Amino acid sequence: MFIRKADVSCDLSISEQDIYFMQQALLLANKAELQGEIPVGAILVSENGEVIGEGWNQSISLSDPTAHAEILAIRQAGNKLGNYRLLNSTLYVTLEPCTMCAGAILHSRIGRLVFGASDYKTGAIGSRFHFFEDYKMNHLLKIRGGVMAQECSQKISQFFKNRRMQKKLLK
């Protein structure tokens, strides 16, 4: 379970909807893995439960360092709604967002973030950095980490284990 300090609103509940959409995000992570990308998936859901955006990591295939799953889901939702403000929406992502993605979450005014695995190297939601704990932020976000953490973490770990094995075989 992921808990944070300061002015960030903690959301410790896990609903059936949270599980369902995290499972969908894991399916999107599979798409990334099939493309040789780090397997991260994201799905953005309106307050009515409608999927308004989805994405999976495509930085390598698109030659775009900003093509993280979260960014692609946010872009798609903004285009679909015709608005850069994604108020009252929930973003489900299989891996704790980095600082770039945290910034996009902030600027899009997403209402709730649900993530699976923590990222101790680049995570900006408390594992490495504490992006939303700055009391000067003008947007409060409900955050729930650790949803299906084992499955999400296992997907990433297995991906990098396989990648290391492939590199050994090529030597």
Protein backbone atom coordinates (compact mmCIF):
# COMPACT_ATOMS: atom_id res chain seq x y z
CA MET A 1 0.00 0.00 0.00
CA PHE A 2 1.21 3.47 -0.84
CA ILE A 3 0.60 6.29 1.59
CA ARG A 4 1.78 9.87 1.34
CA LYS A 5 2.13 12.87 3.60
CA ALA A 6 1.34 16.57 3.19
CA ASP A 7 -1.57 18.11 1.29
CA VAL A 8 -2.22 15.27 -1.15
CA SER A 9 -5.55 13.63 -0.57
CA CYS A 10 -5.01 9.93 0.14
CA ASP A 11 -7.52 7.50 -1.28
CA LEU A 12 -7.08 4.10 0.33
CA SER A 13 -10.11 2.40 -1.18
CA ILE A 14 -9.90 -0.14 -4.00
CA SER A 15 -13.14 -0.73 -5.87
CA GLU A 16 -14.13 -3.39 -8.37
CA GLN A 17 -13.88 -0.64 -10.97
CA ASP A 18 -10.25 -0.01 -9.93
CA ILE A 19 -9.43 -3.69 -10.43
CA TYR A 20 -11.26 -3.84 -13.75
CA PHE A 21 -9.52 -0.80 -15.24
CA MET A 22 -6.11 -1.85 -13.91
CA GLN A 23 -6.63 -5.18 -15.69
CA GLN A 24 -7.37 -3.21 -18.86
CA ALA A 25 -4.22 -1.15 -18.34
CA LEU A 26 -2.25 -4.40 -18.02
CA LEU A 27 -3.65 -5.50 -21.39
CA LEU A 28 -2.36 -2.23 -22.86
CA ALA A 29 1.02 -2.91 -21.23
CA ASN A 30 1.06 -6.16 -23.21
CA LYS A 31 0.80 -4.12 -26.43
CA ALA A 32 3.85 -2.14 -25.40
CA GLU A 33 5.79 -5.32 -24.65
CA LEU A 34 4.90 -6.81 -28.04
CA GLN A 35 6.44 -3.68 -29.62
CA GLY A 36 9.62 -4.09 -27.57
CA GLU A 37 8.66 -1.19 -25.30
CA ILE A 38 8.74 -1.16 -21.51
CA PRO A 39 5.35 -2.70 -20.65
CA VAL A 40 3.37 0.15 -19.16
CA GLY A 41 -0.29 0.75 -19.91
CA ALA A 42 -2.63 3.59 -18.97
CA ILE A 43 -6.34 4.15 -19.25
CA LEU A 44 -8.22 7.37 -18.51
CA VAL A 45 -11.82 7.10 -17.38
CA SER A 46 -14.45 9.84 -17.06
CA GLU A 47 -16.46 10.29 -13.88
CA ASN A 48 -19.24 8.33 -15.66
CA GLY A 49 -16.97 5.32 -16.15
CA GLU A 50 -16.41 5.91 -19.89
CA VAL A 51 -12.96 5.26 -21.30
CA ILE A 52 -11.83 8.60 -22.75
CA GLY A 53 -8.18 7.78 -23.39
CA GLU A 54 -5.74 4.93 -23.41
CA GLY A 55 -2.08 4.48 -24.11
CA TRP A 56 0.91 2.25 -23.79
CA ASN A 57 4.60 3.10 -23.87
CA GLN A 58 5.71 3.91 -27.41
CA SER A 59 8.83 6.02 -26.89
CA ILE A 60 11.02 3.71 -28.98
CA SER A 61 8.57 2.98 -31.79
CA LEU A 62 7.56 6.65 -32.15
CA SER A 63 11.10 7.99 -31.50
CA ASP A 64 9.49 10.25 -28.94
CA PRO A 65 10.76 10.45 -25.35
CA THR A 66 7.38 11.87 -24.28
CA ALA A 67 5.39 8.91 -25.63
CA HIS A 68 4.77 7.39 -22.21
CA ALA A 69 1.51 5.53 -21.65
CA GLU A 70 0.09 8.30 -19.44
CA ILE A 71 0.92 11.09 -21.90
CA LEU A 72 -0.67 9.21 -24.80
CA ALA A 73 -3.84 8.50 -22.78
CA ILE A 74 -4.06 12.16 -21.71
CA ARG A 75 -3.57 13.39 -25.30
CA GLN A 76 -6.25 11.04 -26.58
CA ALA A 77 -8.70 12.13 -23.86
CA GLY A 78 -8.05 15.81 -24.52
CA ASN A 79 -8.69 15.30 -28.23
CA LYS A 80 -11.83 13.27 -27.56
CA LEU A 81 -13.29 15.83 -25.15
CA GLY A 82 -11.97 18.88 -27.00
CA ASN A 83 -10.55 20.17 -23.72
CA TYR A 84 -7.16 20.06 -22.04
CA ARG A 85 -8.86 19.96 -18.62
CA LEU A 86 -9.82 16.42 -17.73
CA LEU A 87 -11.66 17.25 -14.53
CA ASN A 88 -13.05 14.44 -12.36
CA SER A 89 -11.40 11.75 -14.47
CA THR A 90 -9.37 8.84 -13.13
CA LEU A 91 -6.08 7.73 -14.63
CA TYR A 92 -5.14 4.07 -14.18
CA VAL A 93 -1.53 3.23 -14.91
CA THR A 94 0.45 0.06 -14.28
CA LEU A 95 3.59 1.86 -13.10
CA GLU A 96 4.04 4.89 -10.85
CA PRO A 97 4.31 7.96 -13.09
CA CYS A 98 7.60 9.77 -13.65
CA THR A 99 8.03 13.52 -13.16
CA MET A 100 7.10 14.31 -16.78
CA CYS A 101 3.86 12.35 -16.50
CA ALA A 102 3.13 13.80 -13.05
CA GLY A 103 3.40 17.26 -14.60
CA ALA A 104 0.96 16.31 -17.34
CA ILE A 105 -1.43 14.89 -14.73
CA LEU A 106 -1.22 18.16 -12.81
CA HIS A 107 -1.79 20.38 -15.85
CA SER A 108 -4.69 18.29 -17.14
CA ARG A 109 -6.39 18.48 -13.72
CA ILE A 110 -7.09 14.76 -13.52
CA GLY A 111 -9.03 14.11 -10.33
CA ARG A 112 -7.69 10.73 -9.30
CA LEU A 113 -4.61 8.63 -10.03
CA VAL A 114 -4.53 4.88 -9.50
CA PHE A 115 -1.27 3.08 -10.15
CA GLY A 116 0.01 -0.45 -9.75
CA ALA A 117 3.73 -0.93 -9.21
CA SER A 118 5.99 1.58 -7.51
CA ASP A 119 9.00 2.81 -9.46
CA TYR A 120 11.93 3.28 -7.09
CA LYS A 121 14.20 4.69 -9.82
CA THR A 122 12.05 7.40 -11.39
CA GLY A 123 8.65 7.36 -9.65
CA ALA A 124 7.37 10.85 -8.88
CA ILE A 125 4.46 9.93 -6.62
CA GLY A 126 6.50 9.09 -3.56
CA SER A 127 8.89 6.26 -4.39
CA ARG A 128 11.73 8.48 -5.66
CA PHE A 129 10.28 11.98 -5.88
CA HIS A 130 7.30 13.54 -4.08
CA PHE A 131 5.83 15.68 -6.85
CA PHE A 132 2.34 16.20 -5.43
CA GLU A 133 3.45 16.83 -1.86
CA ASP A 134 4.42 20.43 -2.55
CA TYR A 135 1.90 22.55 -0.63
CA LYS A 136 2.16 25.24 -3.33
CA MET A 137 0.51 23.01 -5.96
CA ASN A 138 -2.75 24.49 -7.18
CA HIS A 139 -4.41 21.12 -7.75
CA LEU A 140 -5.18 18.41 -5.22
CA LEU A 141 -5.21 14.89 -6.54
CA LYS A 142 -6.58 11.72 -4.98
CA ILE A 143 -3.95 9.01 -5.30
CA ARG A 144 -4.11 5.27 -4.76
CA GLY A 145 -0.97 3.23 -5.37
CA GLY A 146 -0.45 -0.49 -5.12
CA VAL A 147 -3.56 -1.62 -7.02
CA MET A 148 -2.66 -5.04 -8.44
CA ALA A 149 0.92 -4.16 -7.51
CA GLN A 150 2.18 -7.72 -7.69
CA GLU A 151 0.88 -8.33 -11.21
CA CYS A 152 2.10 -4.94 -12.44
CA SER A 153 5.51 -5.32 -10.82
CA GLN A 154 5.90 -8.85 -12.13
CA LYS A 155 5.17 -7.68 -15.70
CA ILE A 156 7.96 -5.08 -15.54
CA SER A 157 10.41 -7.39 -13.75
CA GLN A 158 9.88 -10.21 -16.22
CA PHE A 159 10.33 -7.84 -19.15
CA PHE A 160 13.73 -6.67 -17.90
CA LYS A 161 14.75 -10.21 -16.95
CA ASN A 162 13.98 -11.35 -20.51
CA ARG A 163 15.82 -8.36 -21.95
CA ARG A 164 18.94 -9.14 -19.89
CA MET A 165 18.80 -12.78 -21.03
CA GLN A 166 18.54 -11.73 -24.67
CA LYS A 167 21.58 -9.48 -24.30
CA LYS A 168 23.57 -12.36 -22.78
CA LEU A 169 22.63 -14.63 -25.67
CA LEU A 170 23.82 -12.03 -28.19
CA LYS A 171 27.28 -11.83 -26.62
